[in-house]
Amino acid sequence: MSTPSTIHAEALAVFQAMPSKHLIDYIVENFHDKHRAQLPELINLARKIEDVHNDHEACPAGLAELLQSMYQELESHMMKEEQILFPMLAGGIYPSGPIAVMEEEHDQHEQMLAELLELTHQNQAPRGACGSWIMLYEGLNELVKDLQLHIDIENSILFKQADKPASSGHGNGHCCGGCQ
């Protein structure tokens, strides 16, 4: 029987074989677009739970605000990747400075996920929770799983593609200035 970590490792191995351009397209379509759809729905559900169940001891007070902050941070991060970094990577340019910034932001996203998990008791709805609360935590579990895989693919594979021999050479003879 496969464990979640085994499945995660197998997924990473599949992505390892993909050319940068295909991997970038996959990331945008399967993670960026998905996060943009997930978070507004989760924010609305969190607000509902906080409003309706504010007197319950397990109510995740502040969750909607945390999710809103995550959404803003992720949106800014994803736009920088899509508009600046990903076109460079797709062209065979691997600027160390911008990659380091994205990795640092990934660390911040992971810290926010840890805060989310602490606030929601590891996304475990309390006994007798309503359907909306259960749906919220199921959605949060999916977000956590998706975002962790997303970060791992970028940090472990996409950003490390520069270590592979490139057929086109670094920027076809042009340097972006991030090599120094």
C-alpha atoms as a PDB file:
ATOM      1  CA  MET A   1       0.000   0.000   0.000  1.00  0.00           C
ATOM      2  CA  SER A   2       1.335   3.426  -0.953  1.00  0.00           C
ATOM      3  CA  THR A   3       1.787   6.080   1.719  1.00  0.00           C
ATOM      4  CA  PRO A   4       1.180   9.789   1.061  1.00  0.00           C
ATOM      5  CA  SER A   5       4.944  10.414   1.074  1.00  0.00           C
ATOM      6  CA  THR A   6       5.500   7.568  -1.438  1.00  0.00           C
ATOM      7  CA  ILE A   7       2.806   8.967  -3.715  1.00  0.00           C
ATOM      8  CA  HIS A   8       4.351  12.443  -3.357  1.00  0.00           C
ATOM      9  CA  ALA A   9       7.817  11.107  -4.285  1.00  0.00           C
ATOM     10  CA  GLU A  10       6.392   9.227  -7.278  1.00  0.00           C
ATOM     11  CA  ALA A  11       4.648  12.400  -8.468  1.00  0.00           C
ATOM     12  CA  LEU A  12       7.889  14.368  -8.209  1.00  0.00           C
ATOM     13  CA  ALA A  13       9.691  11.719 -10.280  1.00  0.00           C
ATOM     14  CA  VAL A  14       7.154  12.165 -13.084  1.00  0.00           C
ATOM     15  CA  PHE A  15       7.666  15.939 -13.067  1.00  0.00           C
ATOM     16  CA  GLN A  16      11.459  15.531 -13.052  1.00  0.00           C
ATOM     17  CA  ALA A  17      11.326  14.169 -16.612  1.00  0.00           C
ATOM     18  CA  MET A  18       9.291  17.092 -18.004  1.00  0.00           C
ATOM     19  CA  PRO A  19      10.970  19.901 -19.965  1.00  0.00           C
ATOM     20  CA  SER A  20      10.781  23.288 -18.207  1.00  0.00           C
ATOM     21  CA  LYS A  21       8.213  24.732 -20.617  1.00  0.00           C
ATOM     22  CA  HIS A  22       5.814  21.820 -20.103  1.00  0.00           C
ATOM     23  CA  LEU A  23       6.356  21.881 -16.351  1.00  0.00           C
ATOM     24  CA  ILE A  24       5.617  25.611 -16.227  1.00  0.00           C
ATOM     25  CA  ASP A  25       2.399  25.122 -18.211  1.00  0.00           C
ATOM     26  CA  TYR A  26       1.419  22.318 -15.825  1.00  0.00           C
ATOM     27  CA  ILE A  27       2.136  24.456 -12.742  1.00  0.00           C
ATOM     28  CA  VAL A  28       0.074  27.400 -13.997  1.00  0.00           C
ATOM     29  CA  GLU A  29      -2.852  25.241 -15.092  1.00  0.00           C
ATOM     30  CA  ASN A  30      -2.941  22.800 -12.175  1.00  0.00           C
ATOM     31  CA  PHE A  31      -1.773  24.931  -9.273  1.00  0.00           C
ATOM     32  CA  HIS A  32      -1.928  28.671  -9.957  1.00  0.00           C
ATOM     33  CA  ASP A  33      -5.372  28.536 -11.558  1.00  0.00           C
ATOM     34  CA  LYS A  34      -6.598  26.096  -8.915  1.00  0.00           C
ATOM     35  CA  HIS A  35      -5.355  28.220  -5.984  1.00  0.00           C
ATOM     36  CA  ARG A  36      -7.115  31.228  -7.516  1.00  0.00           C
ATOM     37  CA  ALA A  37     -10.374  29.250  -7.519  1.00  0.00           C
ATOM     38  CA  GLN A  38      -9.863  27.525  -4.133  1.00  0.00           C
ATOM     39  CA  LEU A  39      -9.027  30.443  -1.900  1.00  0.00           C
ATOM     40  CA  PRO A  40     -12.028  32.753  -2.474  1.00  0.00           C
ATOM     41  CA  GLU A  41     -14.379  29.820  -1.812  1.00  0.00           C
ATOM     42  CA  LEU A  42     -12.475  28.849   1.331  1.00  0.00           C
ATOM     43  CA  ILE A  43     -12.441  32.457   2.567  1.00  0.00           C
ATOM     44  CA  ASN A  44     -16.231  32.659   2.185  1.00  0.00           C
ATOM     45  CA  LEU A  45     -16.743  29.341   3.995  1.00  0.00           C
ATOM     46  CA  ALA A  46     -14.372  30.391   6.791  1.00  0.00           C
ATOM     47  CA  ARG A  47     -16.305  33.650   7.265  1.00  0.00           C
ATOM     48  CA  LYS A  48     -19.539  31.669   7.445  1.00  0.00           C
ATOM     49  CA  ILE A  49     -18.148  29.263  10.048  1.00  0.00           C
ATOM     50  CA  GLU A  50     -16.674  32.111  12.104  1.00  0.00           C
ATOM     51  CA  ASP A  51     -19.986  34.008  12.017  1.00  0.00           C
ATOM     52  CA  VAL A  52     -22.269  31.070  12.772  1.00  0.00           C
ATOM     53  CA  HIS A  53     -20.088  29.149  15.223  1.00  0.00           C
ATOM     54  CA  ASN A  54     -18.211  31.953  16.987  1.00  0.00           C
ATOM     55  CA  ASP A  55     -19.375  30.614  20.353  1.00  0.00           C
ATOM     56  CA  HIS A  56     -17.944  27.110  19.708  1.00  0.00           C
ATOM     57  CA  GLU A  57     -14.612  26.426  21.429  1.00  0.00           C
ATOM     58  CA  ALA A  58     -13.151  24.884  18.252  1.00  0.00           C
ATOM     59  CA  CYS A  59     -14.200  27.770  16.001  1.00  0.00           C
ATOM     60  CA  PRO A  60     -11.145  28.778  13.956  1.00  0.00           C
ATOM     61  CA  ALA A  61     -11.305  32.479  14.835  1.00  0.00           C
ATOM     62  CA  GLY A  62      -9.139  34.456  12.436  1.00  0.00           C
ATOM     63  CA  LEU A  63      -9.125  31.786   9.725  1.00  0.00           C
ATOM     64  CA  ALA A  64     -10.831  33.957   7.098  1.00  0.00           C
ATOM     65  CA  GLU A  65      -8.295  36.708   7.734  1.00  0.00           C
ATOM     66  CA  LEU A  66      -5.394  34.247   7.461  1.00  0.00           C
ATOM     67  CA  LEU A  67      -6.784  32.813   4.218  1.00  0.00           C
ATOM     68  CA  GLN A  68      -7.230  36.337   2.838  1.00  0.00           C
ATOM     69  CA  SER A  69      -3.583  37.104   3.643  1.00  0.00           C
ATOM     70  CA  MET A  70      -2.514  33.825   2.042  1.00  0.00           C
ATOM     71  CA  TYR A  71      -4.534  34.655  -1.060  1.00  0.00           C
ATOM     72  CA  GLN A  72      -2.944  38.093  -1.392  1.00  0.00           C
ATOM     73  CA  GLU A  73       0.565  36.711  -0.846  1.00  0.00           C
ATOM     74  CA  LEU A  74       0.027  33.829  -3.277  1.00  0.00           C
ATOM     75  CA  GLU A  75      -1.511  36.060  -5.926  1.00  0.00           C
ATOM     76  CA  SER A  76       1.452  38.446  -5.796  1.00  0.00           C
ATOM     77  CA  HIS A  77       3.882  35.519  -5.857  1.00  0.00           C
ATOM     78  CA  MET A  78       2.158  33.749  -8.764  1.00  0.00           C
ATOM     79  CA  MET A  79       2.004  36.956 -10.822  1.00  0.00           C
ATOM     80  CA  LYS A  80       5.768  37.472 -10.393  1.00  0.00           C
ATOM     81  CA  GLU A  81       6.356  33.903 -11.508  1.00  0.00           C
ATOM     82  CA  GLU A  82       4.010  34.110 -14.495  1.00  0.00           C
ATOM     83  CA  GLN A  83       5.093  37.533 -15.728  1.00  0.00           C
ATOM     84  CA  ILE A  84       8.825  37.514 -14.939  1.00  0.00           C
ATOM     85  CA  LEU A  85      10.413  34.265 -13.789  1.00  0.00           C
ATOM     86  CA  PHE A  86       8.571  31.617 -15.806  1.00  0.00           C
ATOM     87  CA  PRO A  87       9.228  33.274 -19.188  1.00  0.00           C
ATOM     88  CA  MET A  88      12.926  33.405 -18.282  1.00  0.00           C
ATOM     89  CA  LEU A  89      12.989  29.759 -17.189  1.00  0.00           C
ATOM     90  CA  ALA A  90      11.117  28.686 -20.332  1.00  0.00           C
ATOM     91  CA  GLY A  91      13.816  30.462 -22.340  1.00  0.00           C
ATOM     92  CA  GLY A  92      16.606  28.621 -20.551  1.00  0.00           C
ATOM     93  CA  ILE A  93      17.588  31.517 -18.294  1.00  0.00           C
ATOM     94  CA  TYR A  94      17.875  30.608 -14.602  1.00  0.00           C
ATOM     95  CA  PRO A  95      18.474  33.849 -12.661  1.00  0.00           C
ATOM     96  CA  SER A  96      19.680  32.949  -9.178  1.00  0.00           C
ATOM     97  CA  GLY A  97      18.426  36.169  -7.531  1.00  0.00           C
ATOM     98  CA  PRO A  98      14.765  35.878  -8.553  1.00  0.00           C
ATOM     99  CA  ILE A  99      14.793  32.138  -7.863  1.00  0.00           C
ATOM    100  CA  ALA A 100      16.125  32.793  -4.349  1.00  0.00           C
ATOM    101  CA  VAL A 101      13.329  35.321  -3.771  1.00  0.00           C
ATOM    102  CA  MET A 102      10.694  32.800  -4.882  1.00  0.00           C
ATOM    103  CA  GLU A 103      12.190  30.120  -2.610  1.00  0.00           C
ATOM    104  CA  GLU A 104      12.095  32.554   0.317  1.00  0.00           C
ATOM    105  CA  GLU A 105       8.449  33.311  -0.434  1.00  0.00           C
ATOM    106  CA  HIS A 106       7.789  29.560  -0.557  1.00  0.00           C
ATOM    107  CA  ASP A 107       9.180  29.356   2.988  1.00  0.00           C
ATOM    108  CA  GLN A 108       6.708  32.082   4.008  1.00  0.00           C
ATOM    109  CA  HIS A 109       3.843  30.162   2.368  1.00  0.00           C
ATOM    110  CA  GLU A 110       4.849  27.042   4.295  1.00  0.00           C
ATOM    111  CA  GLN A 111       4.820  29.067   7.528  1.00  0.00           C
ATOM    112  CA  MET A 112       1.293  30.245   6.713  1.00  0.00           C
ATOM    113  CA  LEU A 113       0.248  26.636   6.081  1.00  0.00           C
ATOM    114  CA  ALA A 114       1.653  25.661   9.489  1.00  0.00           C
ATOM    115  CA  GLU A 115      -0.331  28.506  11.076  1.00  0.00           C
ATOM    116  CA  LEU A 116      -3.462  27.364   9.234  1.00  0.00           C
ATOM    117  CA  LEU A 117      -3.020  23.779  10.443  1.00  0.00           C
ATOM    118  CA  GLU A 118      -2.501  24.935  14.026  1.00  0.00           C
ATOM    119  CA  LEU A 119      -5.548  27.197  13.930  1.00  0.00           C
ATOM    120  CA  THR A 120      -7.777  24.432  12.532  1.00  0.00           C
ATOM    121  CA  HIS A 121      -6.455  21.568  14.683  1.00  0.00           C
ATOM    122  CA  GLN A 122      -4.866  19.964  11.596  1.00  0.00           C
ATOM    123  CA  ASN A 123      -8.096  20.573   9.641  1.00  0.00           C
ATOM    124  CA  GLN A 124     -10.021  18.230  11.920  1.00  0.00           C
ATOM    125  CA  ALA A 125     -13.590  19.401  12.282  1.00  0.00           C
ATOM    126  CA  PRO A 126     -15.049  18.935  15.757  1.00  0.00           C
ATOM    127  CA  ARG A 127     -17.514  16.163  16.500  1.00  0.00           C
ATOM    128  CA  GLY A 128     -20.971  17.166  15.336  1.00  0.00           C
ATOM    129  CA  ALA A 129     -19.670  19.869  12.966  1.00  0.00           C
ATOM    130  CA  CYS A 130     -22.097  21.119  10.357  1.00  0.00           C
ATOM    131  CA  GLY A 131     -21.732  20.281   6.673  1.00  0.00           C
ATOM    132  CA  SER A 132     -20.194  23.670   5.880  1.00  0.00           C
ATOM    133  CA  TRP A 133     -17.508  23.236   8.526  1.00  0.00           C
ATOM    134  CA  ILE A 134     -16.678  19.769   7.201  1.00  0.00           C
ATOM    135  CA  MET A 135     -16.632  21.082   3.628  1.00  0.00           C
ATOM    136  CA  LEU A 136     -14.298  23.924   4.711  1.00  0.00           C
ATOM    137  CA  TYR A 137     -11.812  21.542   6.285  1.00  0.00           C
ATOM    138  CA  GLU A 138     -11.933  19.154   3.324  1.00  0.00           C
ATOM    139  CA  GLY A 139     -11.174  22.122   1.069  1.00  0.00           C
ATOM    140  CA  LEU A 140      -8.361  23.226   3.375  1.00  0.00           C
ATOM    141  CA  ASN A 141      -6.860  19.727   3.288  1.00  0.00           C
ATOM    142  CA  GLU A 142      -6.876  19.873  -0.501  1.00  0.00           C
ATOM    143  CA  LEU A 143      -5.319  23.355  -0.493  1.00  0.00           C
ATOM    144  CA  VAL A 144      -2.552  22.240   1.876  1.00  0.00           C
ATOM    145  CA  LYS A 145      -1.790  19.133  -0.206  1.00  0.00           C
ATOM    146  CA  ASP A 146      -1.847  21.107  -3.478  1.00  0.00           C
ATOM    147  CA  LEU A 147       0.283  23.976  -2.207  1.00  0.00           C
ATOM    148  CA  GLN A 148       2.874  21.658  -0.661  1.00  0.00           C
ATOM    149  CA  LEU A 149       3.218  19.707  -3.918  1.00  0.00           C
ATOM    150  CA  HIS A 150       3.294  22.973  -5.890  1.00  0.00           C
ATOM    151  CA  ILE A 151       6.152  24.311  -3.755  1.00  0.00           C
ATOM    152  CA  ASP A 152       8.056  21.009  -3.911  1.00  0.00           C
ATOM    153  CA  ILE A 153       7.798  20.851  -7.711  1.00  0.00           C
ATOM    154  CA  GLU A 154       9.129  24.372  -8.099  1.00  0.00           C
ATOM    155  CA  ASN A 155      11.885  24.160  -5.456  1.00  0.00           C
ATOM    156  CA  SER A 156      13.039  20.596  -6.145  1.00  0.00           C
ATOM    157  CA  ILE A 157      12.582  20.386  -9.892  1.00  0.00           C
ATOM    158  CA  LEU A 158      11.791  23.555 -11.843  1.00  0.00           C
ATOM    159  CA  PHE A 159      14.304  25.794 -10.100  1.00  0.00           C
ATOM    160  CA  LYS A 160      16.947  23.045 -10.307  1.00  0.00           C
ATOM    161  CA  GLN A 161      16.582  22.624 -14.087  1.00  0.00           C
ATOM    162  CA  ALA A 162      19.548  24.990 -14.440  1.00  0.00           C
ATOM    163  CA  ASP A 163      21.714  22.174 -13.076  1.00  0.00           C
ATOM    164  CA  LYS A 164      20.806  20.078 -16.126  1.00  0.00           C
ATOM    165  CA  PRO A 165      22.761  20.574 -19.340  1.00  0.00           C
ATOM    166  CA  ALA A 166      20.730  22.876 -21.574  1.00  0.00           C
ATOM    167  CA  SER A 167      20.637  22.436 -25.324  1.00  0.00           C
ATOM    168  CA  SER A 168      20.005  26.108 -26.018  1.00  0.00           C
ATOM    169  CA  GLY A 169      22.683  27.516 -23.710  1.00  0.00           C
ATOM    170  CA  HIS A 170      22.178  30.207 -21.113  1.00  0.00           C
ATOM    171  CA  GLY A 171      19.772  32.690 -22.653  1.00  0.00           C
ATOM    172  CA  ASN A 172      21.170  32.085 -26.131  1.00  0.00           C
ATOM    173  CA  GLY A 173      24.233  34.144 -25.302  1.00  0.00           C
ATOM    174  CA  HIS A 174      22.374  36.821 -23.364  1.00  0.00           C
ATOM    175  CA  CYS A 175      22.629  37.212 -19.607  1.00  0.00           C
ATOM    176  CA  CYS A 176      19.819  38.640 -17.520  1.00  0.00           C
ATOM    177  CA  GLY A 177      22.272  39.806 -14.869  1.00  0.00           C
ATOM    178  CA  GLY A 178      21.199  37.223 -12.296  1.00  0.00           C
ATOM    179  CA  CYS A 179      24.292  35.071 -12.847  1.00  0.00           C
ATOM    180  CA  GLN A 180      26.720  37.143 -10.865  1.00  0.00           C
END
